[in-house]
């Protein structure tokens, strides 16, 4: 992670539980989860925006939107 202070911050709440589960399973943790755990009150709007973009009304199904996001992430060498 680029900001080690954020990653080292104790994660609590539901995102903290997800991080702990992924750590226990030995799986890589999406780095944005650390940001969400670090400042949940500041990232709440980003989470709501993302949810609306990916699941809200659209001519594209959520599956197509996920596929586009995965393809774009891959093209950008992102692990998402």
PDB file of N, CA and C in Angstrom:
ATOM      1  N   UNK A   1       0.848  -1.178   0.000  1.00  0.00           N
ATOM      2  CA  UNK A   1       0.000   0.000   0.000  1.00  0.00           C
ATOM      3  C   UNK A   1       0.883   1.227   0.000  1.00  0.00           C
ATOM      4  N   UNK A   2       0.390   2.267  -0.594  1.00  0.00           N
ATOM      5  CA  UNK A   2       1.151   3.500  -0.693  1.00  0.00           C
ATOM      6  C   UNK A   2       1.156   4.290   0.608  1.00  0.00           C
ATOM      7  N   UNK A   3       0.089   4.207   1.380  1.00  0.00           N
ATOM      8  CA  UNK A   3      -0.021   4.948   2.632  1.00  0.00           C
ATOM      9  C   UNK A   3      -0.057   3.966   3.794  1.00  0.00           C
ATOM     10  N   UNK A   4       1.119   3.609   4.280  1.00  0.00           N
ATOM     11  CA  UNK A   4       1.216   2.566   5.305  1.00  0.00           C
ATOM     12  C   UNK A   4       0.498   2.932   6.594  1.00  0.00           C
ATOM     13  N   UNK A   5       0.398   4.240   6.921  1.00  0.00           N
ATOM     14  CA  UNK A   5      -0.308   4.654   8.139  1.00  0.00           C
ATOM     15  C   UNK A   5      -1.787   4.275   8.064  1.00  0.00           C
ATOM     16  N   UNK A   6      -2.355   4.365   6.881  1.00  0.00           N
ATOM     17  CA  UNK A   6      -3.768   4.015   6.696  1.00  0.00           C
ATOM     18  C   UNK A   6      -3.942   2.510   6.817  1.00  0.00           C
ATOM     19  N   UNK A   7      -3.064   1.751   6.203  1.00  0.00           N
ATOM     20  CA  UNK A   7      -3.164   0.293   6.255  1.00  0.00           C
ATOM     21  C   UNK A   7      -2.950  -0.215   7.673  1.00  0.00           C
ATOM     22  N   UNK A   8      -2.096   0.440   8.437  1.00  0.00           N
ATOM     23  CA  UNK A   8      -1.802  -0.004   9.805  1.00  0.00           C
ATOM     24  C   UNK A   8      -2.903   0.387  10.796  1.00  0.00           C
ATOM     25  N   UNK A   9      -3.782   1.293  10.409  1.00  0.00           N
ATOM     26  CA  UNK A   9      -4.870   1.745  11.286  1.00  0.00           C
ATOM     27  C   UNK A   9      -5.805   0.576  11.571  1.00  0.00           C
ATOM     28  N   UNK A  10      -6.179   0.357  12.852  1.00  0.00           N
ATOM     29  CA  UNK A  10      -7.088  -0.756  13.162  1.00  0.00           C
ATOM     30  C   UNK A  10      -8.435  -0.594  12.453  1.00  0.00           C
ATOM     31  N   UNK A  11      -8.816  -1.595  11.703  1.00  0.00           N
ATOM     32  CA  UNK A  11     -10.084  -1.570  10.971  1.00  0.00           C
ATOM     33  C   UNK A  11     -11.197  -2.103  11.865  1.00  0.00           C
ATOM     34  N   UNK A  12     -12.302  -1.367  11.925  1.00  0.00           N
ATOM     35  CA  UNK A  12     -13.440  -1.784  12.746  1.00  0.00           C
ATOM     36  C   UNK A  12     -14.689  -1.856  11.880  1.00  0.00           C
ATOM     37  N   UNK A  13     -15.775  -2.283  12.479  1.00  0.00           N
ATOM     38  CA  UNK A  13     -17.054  -2.348  11.777  1.00  0.00           C
ATOM     39  C   UNK A  13     -17.084  -3.436  10.722  1.00  0.00           C
ATOM     40  N   UNK A  14     -18.021  -3.309   9.807  1.00  0.00           N
ATOM     41  CA  UNK A  14     -18.208  -4.355   8.798  1.00  0.00           C
ATOM     42  C   UNK A  14     -17.009  -4.469   7.863  1.00  0.00           C
ATOM     43  N   UNK A  15     -16.392  -3.341   7.519  1.00  0.00           N
ATOM     44  CA  UNK A  15     -15.222  -3.411   6.640  1.00  0.00           C
ATOM     45  C   UNK A  15     -14.046  -4.045   7.381  1.00  0.00           C
ATOM     46  N   UNK A  16     -13.946  -3.795   8.670  1.00  0.00           N
ATOM     47  CA  UNK A  16     -12.902  -4.440   9.477  1.00  0.00           C
ATOM     48  C   UNK A  16     -13.083  -5.944   9.523  1.00  0.00           C
ATOM     49  N   UNK A  17     -14.333  -6.378   9.618  1.00  0.00           N
ATOM     50  CA  UNK A  17     -14.625  -7.815   9.603  1.00  0.00           C
ATOM     51  C   UNK A  17     -14.230  -8.435   8.267  1.00  0.00           C
ATOM     52  N   UNK A  18     -14.532  -7.738   7.176  1.00  0.00           N
ATOM     53  CA  UNK A  18     -14.160  -8.250   5.851  1.00  0.00           C
ATOM     54  C   UNK A  18     -12.653  -8.344   5.701  1.00  0.00           C
ATOM     55  N   UNK A  19     -11.941  -7.324   6.168  1.00  0.00           N
ATOM     56  CA  UNK A  19     -10.482  -7.340   6.095  1.00  0.00           C
ATOM     57  C   UNK A  19      -9.935  -8.512   6.901  1.00  0.00           C
ATOM     58  N   UNK A  20     -10.454  -8.706   8.112  1.00  0.00           N
ATOM     59  CA  UNK A  20      -9.988  -9.811   8.962  1.00  0.00           C
ATOM     60  C   UNK A  20     -10.257 -11.168   8.312  1.00  0.00           C
ATOM     61  N   UNK A  21     -11.418 -11.323   7.684  1.00  0.00           N
ATOM     62  CA  UNK A  21     -11.737 -12.589   7.016  1.00  0.00           C
ATOM     63  C   UNK A  21     -10.787 -12.857   5.854  1.00  0.00           C
ATOM     64  N   UNK A  22     -10.497 -11.820   5.083  1.00  0.00           N
ATOM     65  CA  UNK A  22      -9.600 -12.006   3.947  1.00  0.00           C
ATOM     66  C   UNK A  22      -8.177 -12.287   4.423  1.00  0.00           C
ATOM     67  N   UNK A  23      -7.748 -11.613   5.491  1.00  0.00           N
ATOM     68  CA  UNK A  23      -6.421 -11.883   6.051  1.00  0.00           C
ATOM     69  C   UNK A  23      -6.333 -13.320   6.542  1.00  0.00           C
ATOM     70  N   UNK A  24      -7.365 -13.779   7.242  1.00  0.00           N
ATOM     71  CA  UNK A  24      -7.376 -15.149   7.764  1.00  0.00           C
ATOM     72  C   UNK A  24      -7.340 -16.174   6.645  1.00  0.00           C
ATOM     73  N   UNK A  25      -7.960 -15.845   5.520  1.00  0.00           N
ATOM     74  CA  UNK A  25      -7.978 -16.767   4.384  1.00  0.00           C
ATOM     75  C   UNK A  25      -6.725 -16.639   3.519  1.00  0.00           C
ATOM     76  N   UNK A  26      -5.861 -15.677   3.856  1.00  0.00           N
ATOM     77  CA  UNK A  26      -4.647 -15.481   3.077  1.00  0.00           C
ATOM     78  C   UNK A  26      -4.888 -14.849   1.724  1.00  0.00           C
ATOM     79  N   UNK A  27      -5.999 -14.123   1.601  1.00  0.00           N
ATOM     80  CA  UNK A  27      -6.353 -13.495   0.333  1.00  0.00           C
ATOM     81  C   UNK A  27      -5.874 -12.046   0.301  1.00  0.00           C
ATOM     82  N   UNK A  28      -5.584 -11.528  -0.889  1.00  0.00           N
ATOM     83  CA  UNK A  28      -5.194 -10.115  -0.967  1.00  0.00           C
ATOM     84  C   UNK A  28      -6.380  -9.217  -0.639  1.00  0.00           C
ATOM     85  N   UNK A  29      -6.113  -8.137   0.046  1.00  0.00           N
ATOM     86  CA  UNK A  29      -7.157  -7.209   0.475  1.00  0.00           C
ATOM     87  C   UNK A  29      -7.161  -6.016  -0.481  1.00  0.00           C
ATOM     88  N   UNK A  30      -8.300  -5.681  -1.058  1.00  0.00           N
ATOM     89  CA  UNK A  30      -8.351  -4.488  -1.905  1.00  0.00           C
ATOM     90  C   UNK A  30      -7.910  -3.269  -1.091  1.00  0.00           C
ATOM     91  N   UNK A  31      -6.944  -2.533  -1.607  1.00  0.00           N
ATOM     92  CA  UNK A  31      -6.375  -1.435  -0.835  1.00  0.00           C
ATOM     93  C   UNK A  31      -7.381  -0.352  -0.489  1.00  0.00           C
ATOM     94  N   UNK A  32      -8.397  -0.173  -1.308  1.00  0.00           N
ATOM     95  CA  UNK A  32      -9.392   0.860  -0.997  1.00  0.00           C
ATOM     96  C   UNK A  32     -10.157   0.514   0.275  1.00  0.00           C
ATOM     97  N   UNK A  33     -10.229  -0.768   0.631  1.00  0.00           N
ATOM     98  CA  UNK A  33     -10.901  -1.163   1.873  1.00  0.00           C
ATOM     99  C   UNK A  33     -10.220  -0.530   3.078  1.00  0.00           C
ATOM    100  N   UNK A  34      -8.894  -0.407   3.024  1.00  0.00           N
ATOM    101  CA  UNK A  34      -8.178   0.227   4.137  1.00  0.00           C
ATOM    102  C   UNK A  34      -8.584   1.690   4.263  1.00  0.00           C
ATOM    103  N   UNK A  35      -8.764   2.363   3.144  1.00  0.00           N
ATOM    104  CA  UNK A  35      -9.213   3.747   3.177  1.00  0.00           C
ATOM    105  C   UNK A  35     -10.619   3.844   3.748  1.00  0.00           C
ATOM    106  N   UNK A  36     -11.502   2.940   3.339  1.00  0.00           N
ATOM    107  CA  UNK A  36     -12.868   2.931   3.859  1.00  0.00           C
ATOM    108  C   UNK A  36     -12.863   2.677   5.363  1.00  0.00           C
ATOM    109  N   UNK A  37     -11.973   1.836   5.853  1.00  0.00           N
ATOM    110  CA  UNK A  37     -11.905   1.550   7.284  1.00  0.00           C
ATOM    111  C   UNK A  37     -11.271   2.710   8.050  1.00  0.00           C
ATOM    112  N   UNK A  38     -10.342   3.419   7.414  1.00  0.00           N
ATOM    113  CA  UNK A  38      -9.624   4.516   8.065  1.00  0.00           C
ATOM    114  C   UNK A  38     -10.532   5.718   8.321  1.00  0.00           C
ATOM    115  N   UNK A  39     -11.325   6.094   7.344  1.00  0.00           N
ATOM    116  CA  UNK A  39     -12.206   7.246   7.465  1.00  0.00           C
ATOM    117  C   UNK A  39     -13.599   6.906   6.932  1.00  0.00           C
ATOM    118  N   UNK A  40     -14.339   6.057   7.634  1.00  0.00           N
ATOM    119  CA  UNK A  40     -15.640   5.635   7.113  1.00  0.00           C
ATOM    120  C   UNK A  40     -16.621   6.786   6.900  1.00  0.00           C
ATOM    121  N   UNK A  41     -16.570   7.812   7.750  1.00  0.00           N
ATOM    122  CA  UNK A  41     -17.491   8.935   7.578  1.00  0.00           C
ATOM    123  C   UNK A  41     -17.175   9.746   6.324  1.00  0.00           C
ATOM    124  N   UNK A  42     -15.940   9.719   5.878  1.00  0.00           N
ATOM    125  CA  UNK A  42     -15.552  10.465   4.683  1.00  0.00           C
ATOM    126  C   UNK A  42     -15.738   9.651   3.401  1.00  0.00           C
ATOM    127  N   UNK A  43     -15.737   8.348   3.513  1.00  0.00           N
ATOM    128  CA  UNK A  43     -15.849   7.501   2.314  1.00  0.00           C
ATOM    129  C   UNK A  43     -17.268   6.996   2.092  1.00  0.00           C
ATOM    130  N   UNK A  44     -18.169   7.313   3.005  1.00  0.00           N
ATOM    131  CA  UNK A  44     -19.564   6.877   2.882  1.00  0.00           C
ATOM    132  C   UNK A  44     -20.175   7.338   1.557  1.00  0.00           C
ATOM    133  N   UNK A  45     -19.872   8.562   1.151  1.00  0.00           N
ATOM    134  CA  UNK A  45     -20.437   9.099  -0.083  1.00  0.00           C
ATOM    135  C   UNK A  45     -19.840   8.408  -1.313  1.00  0.00           C
ATOM    136  N   UNK A  46     -18.553   8.083  -1.254  1.00  0.00           N
ATOM    137  CA  UNK A  46     -17.925   7.355  -2.354  1.00  0.00           C
ATOM    138  C   UNK A  46     -18.557   5.972  -2.506  1.00  0.00           C
ATOM    139  N   UNK A  47     -18.811   5.312  -1.380  1.00  0.00           N
ATOM    140  CA  UNK A  47     -19.450   3.994  -1.423  1.00  0.00           C
ATOM    141  C   UNK A  47     -20.859   4.091  -2.010  1.00  0.00           C
ATOM    142  N   UNK A  48     -21.613   5.113  -1.613  1.00  0.00           N
ATOM    143  CA  UNK A  48     -22.971   5.286  -2.138  1.00  0.00           C
ATOM    144  C   UNK A  48     -22.943   5.596  -3.630  1.00  0.00           C
ATOM    145  N   UNK A  49     -22.004   6.430  -4.055  1.00  0.00           N
ATOM    146  CA  UNK A  49     -21.861   6.760  -5.471  1.00  0.00           C
ATOM    147  C   UNK A  49     -21.541   5.512  -6.287  1.00  0.00           C
ATOM    148  N   UNK A  50     -20.571   4.750  -5.806  1.00  0.00           N
ATOM    149  CA  UNK A  50     -20.169   3.531  -6.513  1.00  0.00           C
ATOM    150  C   UNK A  50     -21.324   2.549  -6.600  1.00  0.00           C
ATOM    151  N   UNK A  51     -22.050   2.386  -5.518  1.00  0.00           N
ATOM    152  CA  UNK A  51     -23.195   1.475  -5.513  1.00  0.00           C
ATOM    153  C   UNK A  51     -24.233   1.895  -6.537  1.00  0.00           C
ATOM    154  N   UNK A  52     -24.516   3.190  -6.608  1.00  0.00           N
ATOM    155  CA  UNK A  52     -25.514   3.699  -7.556  1.00  0.00           C
ATOM    156  C   UNK A  52     -25.040   3.521  -8.997  1.00  0.00           C
ATOM    157  N   UNK A  53     -23.764   3.775  -9.246  1.00  0.00           N
ATOM    158  CA  UNK A  53     -23.226   3.610 -10.598  1.00  0.00           C
ATOM    159  C   UNK A  53     -23.299   2.147 -11.030  1.00  0.00           C
ATOM    160  N   UNK A  54     -22.964   1.244 -10.125  1.00  0.00           N
ATOM    161  CA  UNK A  54     -22.884  -0.172 -10.492  1.00  0.00           C
ATOM    162  C   UNK A  54     -24.231  -0.887 -10.402  1.00  0.00           C
ATOM    163  N   UNK A  55     -25.144  -0.398  -9.572  1.00  0.00           N
ATOM    164  CA  UNK A  55     -26.405  -1.122  -9.368  1.00  0.00           C
ATOM    165  C   UNK A  55     -27.655  -0.319  -9.663  1.00  0.00           C
ATOM    166  N   UNK A  56     -27.521   0.974  -9.873  1.00  0.00           N
ATOM    167  CA  UNK A  56     -28.679   1.829 -10.113  1.00  0.00           C
ATOM    168  C   UNK A  56     -29.264   1.636 -11.506  1.00  0.00           C
ATOM    169  N   UNK A  57     -30.351   2.336 -11.792  1.00  0.00           N
ATOM    170  CA  UNK A  57     -30.995   2.217 -13.102  1.00  0.00           C
ATOM    171  C   UNK A  57     -30.026   2.555 -14.235  1.00  0.00           C
ATOM    172  N   UNK A  58     -30.071   1.746 -15.274  1.00  0.00           N
ATOM    173  CA  UNK A  58     -29.172   1.927 -16.409  1.00  0.00           C
ATOM    174  C   UNK A  58     -29.619   1.038 -17.557  1.00  0.00           C
ATOM    175  N   UNK A  59     -29.304   1.423 -18.795  1.00  0.00           N
ATOM    176  CA  UNK A  59     -29.592   0.519 -19.910  1.00  0.00           C
ATOM    177  C   UNK A  59     -28.678  -0.711 -19.891  1.00  0.00           C
ATOM    178  N   UNK A  60     -27.583  -0.639 -19.132  1.00  0.00           N
ATOM    179  CA  UNK A  60     -26.675  -1.780 -19.005  1.00  0.00           C
ATOM    180  C   UNK A  60     -26.986  -2.548 -17.721  1.00  0.00           C
ATOM    181  N   UNK A  61     -26.957  -3.860 -17.802  1.00  0.00           N
ATOM    182  CA  UNK A  61     -27.195  -4.678 -16.611  1.00  0.00           C
ATOM    183  C   UNK A  61     -26.012  -4.533 -15.648  1.00  0.00           C
ATOM    184  N   UNK A  62     -26.220  -4.820 -14.344  1.00  0.00           N
ATOM    185  CA  UNK A  62     -25.099  -4.788 -13.408  1.00  0.00           C
ATOM    186  C   UNK A  62     -23.953  -5.706 -13.848  1.00  0.00           C
ATOM    187  N   UNK A  63     -24.284  -6.849 -14.445  1.00  0.00           N
ATOM    188  CA  UNK A  63     -23.245  -7.762 -14.916  1.00  0.00           C
ATOM    189  C   UNK A  63     -22.361  -7.131 -15.980  1.00  0.00           C
ATOM    190  N   UNK A  64     -22.983  -6.422 -16.926  1.00  0.00           N
ATOM    191  CA  UNK A  64     -22.205  -5.739 -17.962  1.00  0.00           C
ATOM    192  C   UNK A  64     -21.337  -4.643 -17.356  1.00  0.00           C
ATOM    193  N   UNK A  65     -21.886  -3.918 -16.395  1.00  0.00           N
ATOM    194  CA  UNK A  65     -21.103  -2.849 -15.750  1.00  0.00           C
ATOM    195  C   UNK A  65     -19.914  -3.427 -15.003  1.00  0.00           C
ATOM    196  N   UNK A  66     -20.118  -4.562 -14.327  1.00  0.00           N
ATOM    197  CA  UNK A  66     -19.004  -5.228 -13.638  1.00  0.00           C
ATOM    198  C   UNK A  66     -17.950  -5.695 -14.645  1.00  0.00           C
ATOM    199  N   UNK A  67     -18.407  -6.228 -15.764  1.00  0.00           N
ATOM    200  CA  UNK A  67     -17.481  -6.690 -16.800  1.00  0.00           C
ATOM    201  C   UNK A  67     -16.664  -5.523 -17.361  1.00  0.00           C
ATOM    202  N   UNK A  68     -17.308  -4.405 -17.616  1.00  0.00           N
ATOM    203  CA  UNK A  68     -16.599  -3.220 -18.098  1.00  0.00           C
ATOM    204  C   UNK A  68     -15.583  -2.745 -17.064  1.00  0.00           C
ATOM    205  N   UNK A  69     -15.977  -2.726 -15.792  1.00  0.00           N
ATOM    206  CA  UNK A  69     -15.061  -2.302 -14.725  1.00  0.00           C
ATOM    207  C   UNK A  69     -13.870  -3.251 -14.613  1.00  0.00           C
ATOM    208  N   UNK A  70     -14.131  -4.555 -14.691  1.00  0.00           N
ATOM    209  CA  UNK A  70     -13.041  -5.537 -14.602  1.00  0.00           C
ATOM    210  C   UNK A  70     -12.102  -5.407 -15.796  1.00  0.00           C
ATOM    211  N   UNK A  71     -12.653  -5.231 -16.987  1.00  0.00           N
ATOM    212  CA  UNK A  71     -11.832  -5.076 -18.181  1.00  0.00           C
ATOM    213  C   UNK A  71     -10.961  -3.817 -18.076  1.00  0.00           C
ATOM    214  N   UNK A  72     -11.564  -2.713 -17.649  1.00  0.00           N
ATOM    215  CA  UNK A  72     -10.822  -1.461 -17.501  1.00  0.00           C
ATOM    216  C   UNK A  72      -9.724  -1.599 -16.460  1.00  0.00           C
ATOM    217  N   UNK A  73     -10.046  -2.237 -15.343  1.00  0.00           N
ATOM    218  CA  UNK A  73      -9.041  -2.436 -14.301  1.00  0.00           C
ATOM    219  C   UNK A  73      -7.882  -3.282 -14.806  1.00  0.00           C
ATOM    220  N   UNK A  74      -8.192  -4.318 -15.547  1.00  0.00           N
ATOM    221  CA  UNK A  74      -7.144  -5.177 -16.105  1.00  0.00           C
ATOM    222  C   UNK A  74      -6.258  -4.396 -17.068  1.00  0.00           C
ATOM    223  N   UNK A  75      -6.865  -3.590 -17.909  1.00  0.00           N
ATOM    224  CA  UNK A  75      -6.097  -2.776 -18.867  1.00  0.00           C
ATOM    225  C   UNK A  75      -5.193  -1.778 -18.145  1.00  0.00           C
ATOM    226  N   UNK A  76      -5.595  -1.374 -16.937  1.00  0.00           N
ATOM    227  CA  UNK A  76      -4.805  -0.450 -16.135  1.00  0.00           C
ATOM    228  C   UNK A  76      -3.855  -1.179 -15.179  1.00  0.00           C
ATOM    229  N   UNK A  77      -3.726  -2.498 -15.354  1.00  0.00           N
ATOM    230  CA  UNK A  77      -2.875  -3.329 -14.484  1.00  0.00           C
ATOM    231  C   UNK A  77      -3.280  -3.254 -13.016  1.00  0.00           C
ATOM    232  N   UNK A  78      -4.572  -3.131 -12.781  1.00  0.00           N
ATOM    233  CA  UNK A  78      -5.120  -3.101 -11.430  1.00  0.00           C
ATOM    234  C   UNK A  78      -5.598  -4.511 -11.079  1.00  0.00           C
ATOM    235  N   UNK A  79      -5.391  -4.947  -9.852  1.00  0.00           N
ATOM    236  CA  UNK A  79      -5.775  -6.306  -9.461  1.00  0.00           C
ATOM    237  C   UNK A  79      -7.264  -6.486  -9.275  1.00  0.00           C
ATOM    238  N   UNK A  80      -8.042  -5.412  -9.291  1.00  0.00           N
ATOM    239  CA  UNK A  80      -9.485  -5.506  -9.057  1.00  0.00           C
ATOM    240  C   UNK A  80     -10.146  -6.354 -10.114  1.00  0.00           C
TER     241      UNK A  80
END
